[in-house]
Amino acid sequence: MNNSIKAQESPAQAGPAFSLVHLRENWFNWRKKRVWLSLAILLYTLLGFFLAPVLVRDGIINAIRDDLGRESSIGKVEVNPYVLSLRIQDFELRDTDQVKMAAFDEFFVNLQLSGLFRWAWVFREIHLKGPYYLLERFDAEDSRLGRILAQARSDPAPNQEPKQNEGGLPRLLVHDIDISGGRIDVRDHLPATPVEIFLAPIDVSIQELNTLPDQDGRQDVNIRLPNGATLHWEGSLSLAPLD
């Protein structure tokens, strides 16, 4: 009786032939949906982690050069396509005389898909670390900020129609905005004795900032003034209507 029973080979005993056939029929068969799903996930991962940071970095630098006529630099850009986050580190904007006009150590933003249910842009957090800005006035009608605004308002290129004002604020909700370690360098050359004031650190915290009608956000602002003085205020903030 034992001679009439043949033992069946298990997949492990079948050897490499079984493994190759199994892979070819299940994972390399283009008619299988799982193959296209795997390729889509792989492509999304590669584009998100590797291509998107390059596009963001070059896009920012080129936009500043084309629109503002200034040069900028970025140390590092990280994009996580799975949690929809963007991190930019070591940004610096230089004026036409190569003086550092603005900079920050790190900018982080995290978009939430829950905004699809509210028809709004919803961000879990927006954090800005170590921002720096130079406010310098040379005379009554000339300042670094005035120059850059004049460049931004310059006439559009030929055959380019001016953008129409669509009106109204976009639907926006930001759960947590945090600005830490801010610095503002104020230089005024208009008085007979030039004035220079350095404000730091500047910390700003805002929760539930949004443009949804009749919705308020909470704000908390701290600014360290010269000679150790501190300016602090807190309250509510509404953008629609502005209050």
C-alpha atoms as a PDB file:
ATOM      1  CA  MET A   1       0.000   0.000   0.000  1.00  0.00           C
ATOM      2  CA  ASN A   2       2.867   2.341   0.754  1.00  0.00           C
ATOM      3  CA  ASN A   3       4.199   1.799  -2.752  1.00  0.00           C
ATOM      4  CA  SER A   4       1.018   3.224  -4.317  1.00  0.00           C
ATOM      5  CA  ILE A   5       1.315   6.566  -2.505  1.00  0.00           C
ATOM      6  CA  LYS A   6       3.668   9.148  -3.930  1.00  0.00           C
ATOM      7  CA  ALA A   7       4.795  12.027  -1.761  1.00  0.00           C
ATOM      8  CA  GLN A   8       4.129  15.405  -3.274  1.00  0.00           C
ATOM      9  CA  GLU A   9       6.935  17.877  -3.417  1.00  0.00           C
ATOM     10  CA  SER A  10       6.433  20.981  -1.334  1.00  0.00           C
ATOM     11  CA  PRO A  11       7.190  24.398  -2.882  1.00  0.00           C
ATOM     12  CA  ALA A  12      10.416  24.523  -0.878  1.00  0.00           C
ATOM     13  CA  GLN A  13      11.474  21.133  -2.300  1.00  0.00           C
ATOM     14  CA  ALA A  14      10.631  22.136  -5.846  1.00  0.00           C
ATOM     15  CA  GLY A  15      13.775  24.211  -6.013  1.00  0.00           C
ATOM     16  CA  PRO A  16      14.606  27.362  -8.028  1.00  0.00           C
ATOM     17  CA  ALA A  17      12.290  26.390 -10.886  1.00  0.00           C
ATOM     18  CA  PHE A  18       9.230  26.806  -8.691  1.00  0.00           C
ATOM     19  CA  SER A  19      10.434  30.201  -7.397  1.00  0.00           C
ATOM     20  CA  LEU A  20      11.056  31.568 -10.864  1.00  0.00           C
ATOM     21  CA  VAL A  21       7.718  30.352 -12.162  1.00  0.00           C
ATOM     22  CA  HIS A  22       5.949  31.753  -9.127  1.00  0.00           C
ATOM     23  CA  LEU A  23       7.593  35.162  -9.523  1.00  0.00           C
ATOM     24  CA  ARG A  24       6.986  35.261 -13.268  1.00  0.00           C
ATOM     25  CA  GLU A  25       3.311  34.346 -12.989  1.00  0.00           C
ATOM     26  CA  ASN A  26       2.495  36.546 -10.003  1.00  0.00           C
ATOM     27  CA  TRP A  27       4.880  39.513  -9.934  1.00  0.00           C
ATOM     28  CA  PHE A  28       6.180  39.855 -13.490  1.00  0.00           C
ATOM     29  CA  ASN A  29       2.914  39.214 -15.219  1.00  0.00           C
ATOM     30  CA  TRP A  30       1.844  42.545 -16.733  1.00  0.00           C
ATOM     31  CA  ARG A  31      -1.774  41.432 -16.720  1.00  0.00           C
ATOM     32  CA  LYS A  32      -1.780  41.386 -12.911  1.00  0.00           C
ATOM     33  CA  LYS A  33      -3.036  44.576 -11.189  1.00  0.00           C
ATOM     34  CA  ARG A  34      -0.556  44.114  -8.374  1.00  0.00           C
ATOM     35  CA  VAL A  35       2.319  44.640 -10.828  1.00  0.00           C
ATOM     36  CA  TRP A  36       1.000  48.034 -11.951  1.00  0.00           C
ATOM     37  CA  LEU A  37       0.201  49.007  -8.360  1.00  0.00           C
ATOM     38  CA  SER A  38       3.735  48.139  -7.258  1.00  0.00           C
ATOM     39  CA  LEU A  39       5.217  50.145 -10.134  1.00  0.00           C
ATOM     40  CA  ALA A  40       2.991  53.128  -9.305  1.00  0.00           C
ATOM     41  CA  ILE A  41       4.085  53.060  -5.652  1.00  0.00           C
ATOM     42  CA  LEU A  42       7.728  52.758  -6.662  1.00  0.00           C
ATOM     43  CA  LEU A  43       7.452  55.650  -9.133  1.00  0.00           C
ATOM     44  CA  TYR A  44       5.624  57.838  -6.598  1.00  0.00           C
ATOM     45  CA  THR A  45       8.315  57.120  -4.004  1.00  0.00           C
ATOM     46  CA  LEU A  46      11.215  57.902  -6.341  1.00  0.00           C
ATOM     47  CA  LEU A  47       9.629  61.102  -7.659  1.00  0.00           C
ATOM     48  CA  GLY A  48       8.633  62.293  -4.180  1.00  0.00           C
ATOM     49  CA  PHE A  49      11.865  61.628  -2.334  1.00  0.00           C
ATOM     50  CA  PHE A  50      14.406  62.348  -5.075  1.00  0.00           C
ATOM     51  CA  LEU A  51      12.981  64.450  -7.921  1.00  0.00           C
ATOM     52  CA  ALA A  52      10.620  66.744  -5.989  1.00  0.00           C
ATOM     53  CA  PRO A  53      13.394  68.272  -3.777  1.00  0.00           C
ATOM     54  CA  VAL A  54      15.394  69.210  -6.874  1.00  0.00           C
ATOM     55  CA  LEU A  55      12.359  70.783  -8.542  1.00  0.00           C
ATOM     56  CA  VAL A  56      11.453  72.747  -5.384  1.00  0.00           C
ATOM     57  CA  ARG A  57      14.984  74.030  -4.888  1.00  0.00           C
ATOM     58  CA  ASP A  58      15.474  75.082  -8.509  1.00  0.00           C
ATOM     59  CA  GLY A  59      11.959  76.527  -8.703  1.00  0.00           C
ATOM     60  CA  ILE A  60      12.482  78.810  -5.708  1.00  0.00           C
ATOM     61  CA  ILE A  61      15.909  80.016  -6.831  1.00  0.00           C
ATOM     62  CA  ASN A  62      14.769  80.647 -10.407  1.00  0.00           C
ATOM     63  CA  ALA A  63      11.563  82.413  -9.323  1.00  0.00           C
ATOM     64  CA  ILE A  64      13.495  84.806  -7.075  1.00  0.00           C
ATOM     65  CA  ARG A  65      16.011  85.487  -9.832  1.00  0.00           C
ATOM     66  CA  ASP A  66      13.349  86.088 -12.498  1.00  0.00           C
ATOM     67  CA  ASP A  67      10.775  87.992 -10.428  1.00  0.00           C
ATOM     68  CA  LEU A  68      12.940  89.915  -7.963  1.00  0.00           C
ATOM     69  CA  GLY A  69      16.293  90.140  -9.727  1.00  0.00           C
ATOM     70  CA  ARG A  70      18.095  88.760  -6.675  1.00  0.00           C
ATOM     71  CA  GLU A  71      20.193  85.683  -6.006  1.00  0.00           C
ATOM     72  CA  SER A  72      19.427  83.119  -3.333  1.00  0.00           C
ATOM     73  CA  SER A  73      20.779  79.850  -2.033  1.00  0.00           C
ATOM     74  CA  ILE A  74      19.291  76.798  -0.307  1.00  0.00           C
ATOM     75  CA  GLY A  75      21.261  74.276   1.686  1.00  0.00           C
ATOM     76  CA  LYS A  76      18.913  71.295   1.659  1.00  0.00           C
ATOM     77  CA  VAL A  77      15.370  70.374   0.613  1.00  0.00           C
ATOM     78  CA  GLU A  78      13.511  67.310   1.883  1.00  0.00           C
ATOM     79  CA  VAL A  79      10.122  66.094   0.664  1.00  0.00           C
ATOM     80  CA  ASN A  80       8.173  63.235   2.204  1.00  0.00           C
ATOM     81  CA  PRO A  81       5.422  62.239  -0.239  1.00  0.00           C
ATOM     82  CA  TYR A  82       3.761  59.912   2.263  1.00  0.00           C
ATOM     83  CA  VAL A  83       3.102  62.502   4.998  1.00  0.00           C
ATOM     84  CA  LEU A  84       2.980  65.423   2.500  1.00  0.00           C
ATOM     85  CA  SER A  85       5.710  67.425   4.236  1.00  0.00           C
ATOM     86  CA  LEU A  86       8.329  69.853   2.952  1.00  0.00           C
ATOM     87  CA  ARG A  87      11.498  70.915   4.780  1.00  0.00           C
ATOM     88  CA  ILE A  88      13.846  73.647   3.501  1.00  0.00           C
ATOM     89  CA  GLN A  89      17.092  74.376   5.339  1.00  0.00           C
ATOM     90  CA  ASP A  90      19.670  77.178   5.229  1.00  0.00           C
ATOM     91  CA  PHE A  91      17.922  79.625   2.905  1.00  0.00           C
ATOM     92  CA  GLU A  92      19.581  82.966   2.126  1.00  0.00           C
ATOM     93  CA  LEU A  93      18.463  85.865  -0.061  1.00  0.00           C
ATOM     94  CA  ARG A  94      21.088  88.416  -1.168  1.00  0.00           C
ATOM     95  CA  ASP A  95      20.456  91.893  -2.445  1.00  0.00           C
ATOM     96  CA  THR A  96      22.038  93.211  -5.636  1.00  0.00           C
ATOM     97  CA  ASP A  97      25.086  94.379  -3.624  1.00  0.00           C
ATOM     98  CA  GLN A  98      25.449  90.853  -2.165  1.00  0.00           C
ATOM     99  CA  VAL A  99      24.310  91.950   1.306  1.00  0.00           C
ATOM    100  CA  LYS A 100      22.232  89.289   3.077  1.00  0.00           C
ATOM    101  CA  MET A 101      18.672  90.612   3.070  1.00  0.00           C
ATOM    102  CA  ALA A 102      16.704  87.628   4.360  1.00  0.00           C
ATOM    103  CA  ALA A 103      17.423  84.125   5.587  1.00  0.00           C
ATOM    104  CA  PHE A 104      16.164  81.302   7.748  1.00  0.00           C
ATOM    105  CA  ASP A 105      17.602  78.150   9.271  1.00  0.00           C
ATOM    106  CA  GLU A 106      14.662  75.851   8.609  1.00  0.00           C
ATOM    107  CA  PHE A 107      11.153  75.971   7.174  1.00  0.00           C
ATOM    108  CA  PHE A 108       8.804  73.031   7.654  1.00  0.00           C
ATOM    109  CA  VAL A 109       5.237  72.597   6.422  1.00  0.00           C
ATOM    110  CA  ASN A 110       2.911  69.611   6.655  1.00  0.00           C
ATOM    111  CA  LEU A 111      -0.193  69.415   4.440  1.00  0.00           C
ATOM    112  CA  GLN A 112      -3.254  67.415   5.530  1.00  0.00           C
ATOM    113  CA  LEU A 113      -5.553  65.455   3.229  1.00  0.00           C
ATOM    114  CA  SER A 114      -8.454  66.251   5.565  1.00  0.00           C
ATOM    115  CA  GLY A 115      -8.736  69.554   3.705  1.00  0.00           C
ATOM    116  CA  LEU A 116     -10.456  67.690   0.878  1.00  0.00           C
ATOM    117  CA  PHE A 117     -13.518  67.282   3.100  1.00  0.00           C
ATOM    118  CA  ARG A 118     -13.576  71.023   3.902  1.00  0.00           C
ATOM    119  CA  TRP A 119     -12.707  72.283   0.442  1.00  0.00           C
ATOM    120  CA  ALA A 120      -9.777  74.109   2.042  1.00  0.00           C
ATOM    121  CA  TRP A 121      -5.994  73.984   2.314  1.00  0.00           C
ATOM    122  CA  VAL A 122      -5.363  72.423   5.728  1.00  0.00           C
ATOM    123  CA  PHE A 123      -1.893  72.365   7.287  1.00  0.00           C
ATOM    124  CA  ARG A 124      -1.104  70.561  10.502  1.00  0.00           C
ATOM    125  CA  GLU A 125       1.923  72.748  11.182  1.00  0.00           C
ATOM    126  CA  ILE A 126       4.078  75.460   9.677  1.00  0.00           C
ATOM    127  CA  HIS A 127       7.349  76.039  11.505  1.00  0.00           C
ATOM    128  CA  LEU A 128      10.020  78.635  10.746  1.00  0.00           C
ATOM    129  CA  LYS A 129      13.299  78.549  12.682  1.00  0.00           C
ATOM    130  CA  GLY A 130      15.862  81.331  12.833  1.00  0.00           C
ATOM    131  CA  PRO A 131      14.363  83.771  10.314  1.00  0.00           C
ATOM    132  CA  TYR A 132      16.384  86.914   9.620  1.00  0.00           C
ATOM    133  CA  TYR A 133      15.415  90.082   7.780  1.00  0.00           C
ATOM    134  CA  LEU A 134      17.323  93.294   7.082  1.00  0.00           C
ATOM    135  CA  LEU A 135      15.278  96.508   7.033  1.00  0.00           C
ATOM    136  CA  GLU A 136      17.572  99.234   5.708  1.00  0.00           C
ATOM    137  CA  ARG A 137      16.570 102.753   4.637  1.00  0.00           C
ATOM    138  CA  PHE A 138      18.977 104.956   2.691  1.00  0.00           C
ATOM    139  CA  ASP A 139      16.809 108.084   2.350  1.00  0.00           C
ATOM    140  CA  ALA A 140      13.165 109.105   2.606  1.00  0.00           C
ATOM    141  CA  GLU A 141      12.203 107.342  -0.627  1.00  0.00           C
ATOM    142  CA  ASP A 142      14.830 104.639  -0.944  1.00  0.00           C
ATOM    143  CA  SER A 143      15.072 101.403   1.014  1.00  0.00           C
ATOM    144  CA  ARG A 144      15.973  97.786   0.333  1.00  0.00           C
ATOM    145  CA  LEU A 145      12.355  96.743   0.766  1.00  0.00           C
ATOM    146  CA  GLY A 146      11.169  99.527  -1.570  1.00  0.00           C
ATOM    147  CA  ARG A 147      13.607  98.423  -4.249  1.00  0.00           C
ATOM    148  CA  ILE A 148      12.501  94.806  -4.127  1.00  0.00           C
ATOM    149  CA  LEU A 149       8.808  95.793  -4.186  1.00  0.00           C
ATOM    150  CA  ALA A 150       9.454  98.033  -7.189  1.00  0.00           C
ATOM    151  CA  GLN A 151      11.096  95.120  -8.971  1.00  0.00           C
ATOM    152  CA  ALA A 152       8.117  92.884  -8.175  1.00  0.00           C
ATOM    153  CA  ARG A 153       5.691  95.505  -9.545  1.00  0.00           C
ATOM    154  CA  SER A 154       7.635  96.037 -12.769  1.00  0.00           C
ATOM    155  CA  ASP A 155       5.734  95.843 -16.071  1.00  0.00           C
ATOM    156  CA  PRO A 156       5.012  92.329 -17.385  1.00  0.00           C
ATOM    157  CA  ALA A 157       6.962  90.962 -20.304  1.00  0.00           C
ATOM    158  CA  PRO A 158       5.687  91.688 -23.841  1.00  0.00           C
ATOM    159  CA  ASN A 159       2.670  89.609 -24.931  1.00  0.00           C
ATOM    160  CA  GLN A 160       2.044  88.693 -21.302  1.00  0.00           C
ATOM    161  CA  GLU A 161      -1.300  89.799 -19.943  1.00  0.00           C
ATOM    162  CA  PRO A 162      -1.404  91.019 -16.336  1.00  0.00           C
ATOM    163  CA  LYS A 163      -2.926  88.616 -13.864  1.00  0.00           C
ATOM    164  CA  GLN A 164      -6.512  89.293 -12.958  1.00  0.00           C
ATOM    165  CA  ASN A 165      -7.390  89.768  -9.323  1.00  0.00           C
ATOM    166  CA  GLU A 166      -9.677  86.886  -8.506  1.00  0.00           C
ATOM    167  CA  GLY A 167     -10.648  88.470  -5.206  1.00  0.00           C
ATOM    168  CA  GLY A 168     -11.229  86.822  -1.870  1.00  0.00           C
ATOM    169  CA  LEU A 169      -8.901  84.784   0.310  1.00  0.00           C
ATOM    170  CA  PRO A 170      -8.345  81.084  -0.386  1.00  0.00           C
ATOM    171  CA  ARG A 171      -9.927  78.717   2.117  1.00  0.00           C
ATOM    172  CA  LEU A 172      -7.081  78.029   4.518  1.00  0.00           C
ATOM    173  CA  LEU A 173      -6.665  76.401   7.929  1.00  0.00           C
ATOM    174  CA  VAL A 174      -3.367  76.089   9.782  1.00  0.00           C
ATOM    175  CA  HIS A 175      -3.520  74.293  13.127  1.00  0.00           C
ATOM    176  CA  ASP A 176      -0.107  75.386  14.390  1.00  0.00           C
ATOM    177  CA  ILE A 177       2.185  78.212  13.221  1.00  0.00           C
ATOM    178  CA  ASP A 178       5.443  78.608  15.098  1.00  0.00           C
ATOM    179  CA  ILE A 179       8.215  81.147  14.411  1.00  0.00           C
ATOM    180  CA  SER A 180      11.189  80.811  16.741  1.00  0.00           C
ATOM    181  CA  GLY A 181      14.486  82.640  17.087  1.00  0.00           C
ATOM    182  CA  GLY A 182      13.580  85.405  14.647  1.00  0.00           C
ATOM    183  CA  ARG A 183      15.941  88.334  14.049  1.00  0.00           C
ATOM    184  CA  ILE A 184      15.282  91.736  12.499  1.00  0.00           C
ATOM    185  CA  ASP A 185      18.164  94.103  11.742  1.00  0.00           C
ATOM    186  CA  VAL A 186      16.936  97.713  11.376  1.00  0.00           C
ATOM    187  CA  ARG A 187      19.315 100.251   9.817  1.00  0.00           C
ATOM    188  CA  ASP A 188      18.271 103.832   9.100  1.00  0.00           C
ATOM    189  CA  HIS A 189      20.734 106.137   7.296  1.00  0.00           C
ATOM    190  CA  LEU A 190      18.318 109.057   7.017  1.00  0.00           C
ATOM    191  CA  PRO A 191      19.058 110.763  10.374  1.00  0.00           C
ATOM    192  CA  ALA A 192      22.292 112.707  10.782  1.00  0.00           C
ATOM    193  CA  THR A 193      23.412 109.963  13.118  1.00  0.00           C
ATOM    194  CA  PRO A 194      22.537 106.595  11.540  1.00  0.00           C
ATOM    195  CA  VAL A 195      20.344 104.366  13.690  1.00  0.00           C
ATOM    196  CA  GLU A 196      20.818 100.628  14.014  1.00  0.00           C
ATOM    197  CA  ILE A 197      18.551  98.406  16.098  1.00  0.00           C
ATOM    198  CA  PHE A 198      18.721  94.636  16.353  1.00  0.00           C
ATOM    199  CA  LEU A 199      15.565  92.832  17.524  1.00  0.00           C
ATOM    200  CA  ALA A 200      16.052  89.255  18.691  1.00  0.00           C
ATOM    201  CA  PRO A 201      14.830  86.753  19.522  1.00  0.00           C
ATOM    202  CA  ILE A 202      11.342  87.058  18.033  1.00  0.00           C
ATOM    203  CA  ASP A 203       8.956  84.199  18.803  1.00  0.00           C
ATOM    204  CA  VAL A 204       5.468  83.982  17.326  1.00  0.00           C
ATOM    205  CA  SER A 205       2.925  81.236  17.987  1.00  0.00           C
ATOM    206  CA  ILE A 206      -0.497  81.081  16.322  1.00  0.00           C
ATOM    207  CA  GLN A 207      -3.023  78.253  16.642  1.00  0.00           C
ATOM    208  CA  GLU A 208      -5.999  77.589  14.371  1.00  0.00           C
ATOM    209  CA  LEU A 209      -5.293  80.390  11.912  1.00  0.00           C
ATOM    210  CA  ASN A 210      -7.861  80.198   9.126  1.00  0.00           C
ATOM    211  CA  THR A 211      -9.692  82.159   6.469  1.00  0.00           C
ATOM    212  CA  LEU A 212     -13.001  80.413   7.017  1.00  0.00           C
ATOM    213  CA  PRO A 213     -15.859  82.846   7.715  1.00  0.00           C
ATOM    214  CA  ASP A 214     -16.246  84.026  11.330  1.00  0.00           C
ATOM    215  CA  GLN A 215     -13.531  81.727  12.638  1.00  0.00           C
ATOM    216  CA  ASP A 216     -10.854  82.991  15.038  1.00  0.00           C
ATOM    217  CA  GLY A 217      -7.292  81.898  15.688  1.00  0.00           C
ATOM    218  CA  ARG A 218      -5.188  82.389  18.833  1.00  0.00           C
ATOM    219  CA  GLN A 219      -1.895  84.273  18.720  1.00  0.00           C
ATOM    220  CA  ASP A 220       0.996  84.706  21.126  1.00  0.00           C
ATOM    221  CA  VAL A 221       3.863  87.039  20.188  1.00  0.00           C
ATOM    222  CA  ASN A 222       7.130  87.695  22.042  1.00  0.00           C
ATOM    223  CA  ILE A 223       9.794  90.146  20.834  1.00  0.00           C
ATOM    224  CA  ARG A 224      13.030  90.824  22.720  1.00  0.00           C
ATOM    225  CA  LEU A 225      13.932  94.518  22.475  1.00  0.00           C
ATOM    226  CA  PRO A 226      17.322  96.179  23.059  1.00  0.00           C
ATOM    227  CA  ASN A 227      18.488  96.594  26.689  1.00  0.00           C
ATOM    228  CA  GLY A 228      16.639  93.454  27.734  1.00  0.00           C
ATOM    229  CA  ALA A 229      13.084  94.786  27.319  1.00  0.00           C
ATOM    230  CA  THR A 230      10.396  92.418  26.081  1.00  0.00           C
ATOM    231  CA  LEU A 231       7.277  93.104  24.025  1.00  0.00           C
ATOM    232  CA  HIS A 232       4.478  90.584  24.441  1.00  0.00           C
ATOM    233  CA  TRP A 233       0.877  90.379  23.319  1.00  0.00           C
ATOM    234  CA  GLU A 234      -1.717  87.690  22.887  1.00  0.00           C
ATOM    235  CA  GLY A 235      -5.262  87.523  21.640  1.00  0.00           C
ATOM    236  CA  SER A 236      -7.457  86.316  18.805  1.00  0.00           C
ATOM    237  CA  LEU A 237      -7.050  86.803  15.074  1.00  0.00           C
ATOM    238  CA  SER A 238      -9.673  86.627  12.334  1.00  0.00           C
ATOM    239  CA  LEU A 239      -8.967  86.913   8.615  1.00  0.00           C
ATOM    240  CA  ALA A 240     -12.544  86.715   7.292  1.00  0.00           C
ATOM    241  CA  PRO A 241     -13.397  89.392   8.255  1.00  0.00           C
ATOM    242  CA  LEU A 242     -10.006  90.814   9.223  1.00  0.00           C
ATOM    243  CA  ASP A 243      -9.929  91.530  12.944  1.00  0.00           C
END
